[in-house]
C-alpha atoms as a PDB file:
ATOM      1  CA  MET A   1     -23.115 -26.099  -3.892  1.00  0.00           C
ATOM      2  CA  THR A   2     -24.831 -24.127  -1.184  1.00  0.00           C
ATOM      3  CA  ASP A   3     -25.384 -20.388  -1.303  1.00  0.00           C
ATOM      4  CA  ALA A   4     -22.987 -19.973   1.617  1.00  0.00           C
ATOM      5  CA  ILE A   5     -20.158 -21.594  -0.346  1.00  0.00           C
ATOM      6  CA  HIS A   6     -20.919 -19.420  -3.384  1.00  0.00           C
ATOM      7  CA  ALA A   7     -20.980 -16.319  -1.171  1.00  0.00           C
ATOM      8  CA  HIS A   8     -17.637 -17.305   0.367  1.00  0.00           C
ATOM      9  CA  GLU A   9     -16.078 -17.896  -3.060  1.00  0.00           C
ATOM     10  CA  SER A  10     -17.254 -14.560  -4.422  1.00  0.00           C
ATOM     11  CA  GLU A  11     -16.054 -12.774  -1.256  1.00  0.00           C
ATOM     12  CA  ALA A  12     -12.614 -14.363  -1.688  1.00  0.00           C
ATOM     13  CA  GLN A  13     -12.586 -13.396  -5.370  1.00  0.00           C
ATOM     14  CA  ILE A  14     -13.536  -9.802  -4.515  1.00  0.00           C
ATOM     15  CA  ARG A  15     -10.689  -9.648  -1.981  1.00  0.00           C
ATOM     16  CA  ARG A  16      -8.183 -11.080  -4.489  1.00  0.00           C
ATOM     17  CA  THR A  17      -9.341  -8.659  -7.199  1.00  0.00           C
ATOM     18  CA  ALA A  18      -8.926  -5.696  -4.819  1.00  0.00           C
ATOM     19  CA  LEU A  19      -5.460  -6.957  -3.874  1.00  0.00           C
ATOM     20  CA  TYR A  20      -4.319  -7.538  -7.459  1.00  0.00           C
ATOM     21  CA  SER A  21      -5.611  -4.226  -8.784  1.00  0.00           C
ATOM     22  CA  THR A  22      -3.878  -2.345  -5.944  1.00  0.00           C
ATOM     23  CA  LEU A  23      -0.636  -4.287  -6.435  1.00  0.00           C
ATOM     24  CA  ALA A  24      -0.718  -3.506 -10.167  1.00  0.00           C
ATOM     25  CA  GLN A  25      -0.536   0.223  -9.296  1.00  0.00           C
ATOM     26  CA  VAL A  26       2.756  -0.002  -7.354  1.00  0.00           C
ATOM     27  CA  PRO A  27       5.201   1.820  -9.638  1.00  0.00           C
ATOM     28  CA  GLU A  28       8.628   0.604 -10.691  1.00  0.00           C
ATOM     29  CA  GLY A  29      11.292   1.542  -8.152  1.00  0.00           C
ATOM     30  CA  LYS A  30       8.801   1.621  -5.257  1.00  0.00           C
ATOM     31  CA  VAL A  31       7.883  -0.956  -2.607  1.00  0.00           C
ATOM     32  CA  VAL A  32       5.038  -1.575  -0.148  1.00  0.00           C
ATOM     33  CA  SER A  33       4.721  -3.795   2.892  1.00  0.00           C
ATOM     34  CA  TYR A  34       2.207  -6.650   3.025  1.00  0.00           C
ATOM     35  CA  GLY A  35       0.219  -4.724   5.646  1.00  0.00           C
ATOM     36  CA  GLN A  36       0.261  -1.462   3.689  1.00  0.00           C
ATOM     37  CA  LEU A  37      -0.896  -3.276   0.553  1.00  0.00           C
ATOM     38  CA  ALA A  38      -3.761  -4.862   2.500  1.00  0.00           C
ATOM     39  CA  GLU A  39      -4.846  -1.467   3.857  1.00  0.00           C
ATOM     40  CA  LEU A  40      -4.585   0.270   0.467  1.00  0.00           C
ATOM     41  CA  ALA A  41      -6.707  -2.503  -1.055  1.00  0.00           C
ATOM     42  CA  GLY A  42      -9.365  -1.941   1.606  1.00  0.00           C
ATOM     43  CA  LEU A  43      -8.720  -5.301   3.280  1.00  0.00           C
ATOM     44  CA  GLY A  44      -7.848  -4.011   6.742  1.00  0.00           C
ATOM     45  CA  ARG A  45      -5.174  -5.784   8.731  1.00  0.00           C
ATOM     46  CA  ALA A  46      -4.646  -8.734   6.418  1.00  0.00           C
ATOM     47  CA  ALA A  47      -0.863  -8.787   5.929  1.00  0.00           C
ATOM     48  CA  ARG A  48      -0.577 -12.568   6.351  1.00  0.00           C
ATOM     49  CA  TRP A  49      -3.460 -13.206   3.955  1.00  0.00           C
ATOM     50  CA  VAL A  50      -1.760 -10.935   1.396  1.00  0.00           C
ATOM     51  CA  GLY A  51       1.475 -12.908   1.759  1.00  0.00           C
ATOM     52  CA  ARG A  52      -0.293 -16.246   1.363  1.00  0.00           C
ATOM     53  CA  THR A  53      -2.287 -15.014  -1.628  1.00  0.00           C
ATOM     54  CA  LEU A  54       0.776 -13.610  -3.393  1.00  0.00           C
ATOM     55  CA  SER A  55       2.664 -16.868  -2.793  1.00  0.00           C
ATOM     56  CA  GLN A  56      -0.007 -18.617  -4.888  1.00  0.00           C
ATOM     57  CA  LEU A  57       0.426 -16.396  -7.964  1.00  0.00           C
ATOM     58  CA  PRO A  58       1.381 -18.279 -11.139  1.00  0.00           C
ATOM     59  CA  SER A  59       5.088 -18.089 -11.980  1.00  0.00           C
ATOM     60  CA  ASP A  60       4.356 -16.147 -15.181  1.00  0.00           C
ATOM     61  CA  THR A  61       2.279 -13.441 -13.483  1.00  0.00           C
ATOM     62  CA  ARG A  62       2.782  -9.885 -14.664  1.00  0.00           C
ATOM     63  CA  LEU A  63       1.907  -8.480 -11.234  1.00  0.00           C
ATOM     64  CA  PRO A  64       4.891  -6.822  -9.494  1.00  0.00           C
ATOM     65  CA  TRP A  65       4.896  -9.225  -6.517  1.00  0.00           C
ATOM     66  CA  HIS A  66       8.586  -8.487  -5.965  1.00  0.00           C
ATOM     67  CA  ARG A  67       7.700  -4.958  -4.781  1.00  0.00           C
ATOM     68  CA  VAL A  68       5.926  -6.300  -1.670  1.00  0.00           C
ATOM     69  CA  LEU A  69       8.053  -6.603   1.461  1.00  0.00           C
ATOM     70  CA  GLY A  70       7.704  -7.503   5.100  1.00  0.00           C
ATOM     71  CA  ALA A  71       7.386  -4.916   7.842  1.00  0.00           C
ATOM     72  CA  GLY A  72      10.204  -2.392   7.965  1.00  0.00           C
ATOM     73  CA  GLY A  73      11.308  -3.200   4.420  1.00  0.00           C
ATOM     74  CA  ARG A  74      12.455  -6.720   5.249  1.00  0.00           C
ATOM     75  CA  ILE A  75      12.546  -9.227   2.403  1.00  0.00           C
ATOM     76  CA  SER A  76      10.477 -12.157   3.656  1.00  0.00           C
ATOM     77  CA  LEU A  77      11.658 -14.748   1.151  1.00  0.00           C
ATOM     78  CA  PRO A  78      14.646 -16.795   2.319  1.00  0.00           C
ATOM     79  CA  VAL A  79      18.134 -15.866   1.111  1.00  0.00           C
ATOM     80  CA  GLY A  80      19.239 -18.485  -1.408  1.00  0.00           C
ATOM     81  CA  SER A  81      15.690 -19.492  -2.381  1.00  0.00           C
ATOM     82  CA  PRO A  82      14.891 -19.142  -6.098  1.00  0.00           C
ATOM     83  CA  SER A  83      12.001 -16.732  -5.435  1.00  0.00           C
ATOM     84  CA  GLY A  84      14.052 -14.739  -2.907  1.00  0.00           C
ATOM     85  CA  ASP A  85      16.954 -14.424  -5.336  1.00  0.00           C
ATOM     86  CA  GLU A  86      14.553 -13.392  -8.102  1.00  0.00           C
ATOM     87  CA  GLN A  87      12.950 -10.775  -5.849  1.00  0.00           C
ATOM     88  CA  ARG A  88      16.328  -9.248  -4.941  1.00  0.00           C
ATOM     89  CA  ALA A  89      17.440  -9.236  -8.590  1.00  0.00           C
ATOM     90  CA  ARG A  90      14.207  -7.592  -9.773  1.00  0.00           C
ATOM     91  CA  LEU A  91      14.396  -4.921  -7.055  1.00  0.00           C
ATOM     92  CA  ARG A  92      18.020  -4.132  -7.929  1.00  0.00           C
ATOM     93  CA  MET A  93      17.118  -3.901 -11.637  1.00  0.00           C
ATOM     94  CA  GLU A  94      14.618  -1.202 -10.662  1.00  0.00           C
ATOM     95  CA  GLY A  95      17.320   0.760  -8.846  1.00  0.00           C
ATOM     96  CA  ILE A  96      16.294  -0.302  -5.343  1.00  0.00           C
ATOM     97  CA  THR A  97      19.153  -0.899  -2.921  1.00  0.00           C
ATOM     98  CA  VAL A  98      18.921  -4.138  -0.938  1.00  0.00           C
ATOM     99  CA  LEU A  99      21.196  -4.137   2.111  1.00  0.00           C
ATOM    100  CA  ASN A 100      21.230  -6.849   4.783  1.00  0.00           C
ATOM    101  CA  ASN A 101      18.058  -8.283   3.257  1.00  0.00           C
ATOM    102  CA  ARG A 102      16.262  -4.949   3.736  1.00  0.00           C
ATOM    103  CA  VAL A 103      15.050  -2.086   1.582  1.00  0.00           C
ATOM    104  CA  ASP A 104      14.998   1.508   2.860  1.00  0.00           C
ATOM    105  CA  ILE A 105      11.243   2.107   3.132  1.00  0.00           C
ATOM    106  CA  GLN A 106      11.735   5.846   3.739  1.00  0.00           C
ATOM    107  CA  ARG A 107      13.529   6.124   0.417  1.00  0.00           C
ATOM    108  CA  HIS A 108      11.717   3.551  -1.709  1.00  0.00           C
ATOM    109  CA  GLY A 109       8.298   3.252  -0.054  1.00  0.00           C
ATOM    110  CA  TRP A 110       5.255   3.879  -2.223  1.00  0.00           C
ATOM    111  CA  ARG A 111       2.985   6.570  -0.864  1.00  0.00           C
ATOM    112  CA  PRO A 112       0.012   6.950  -3.185  1.00  0.00           C
ATOM    113  CA  VAL A 113      -1.537  10.391  -3.087  1.00  0.00           C
ATOM    114  CA  GLU A 114      -4.728  10.482  -1.057  1.00  0.00           C
ATOM    115  CA  HIS A 115      -7.567  11.971  -3.069  1.00  0.00           C
ATOM    116  CA  SER A 116      -9.960  13.894  -0.893  1.00  0.00           C
ATOM    117  CA  GLY A 117     -13.357  14.509  -2.412  1.00  0.00           C
END
């Protein structure tokens, strides 16, 4: 393997690690959008990449993938799909109201406290 391929792999791994560690901090009963999660993880405007990466998580992951929503609190997974149904069920179990395939971001959105040094 060339150095460029190794560099690309480690860059991708660094991005995934940043994403996963940020996602792991989203508390129960709170949600974030794909774009917000990307920004909080220091990945810039990478909402689509976040969505693709989360869709590849193993089914037994302990990461709270169900707390990540589309823009405006929209649930991106199709109604009636197994993963969409699971996401809605998990959100409801955490006390989050899902109405018309949306979550009230004002009410349930995660806003981590900014630490200023």
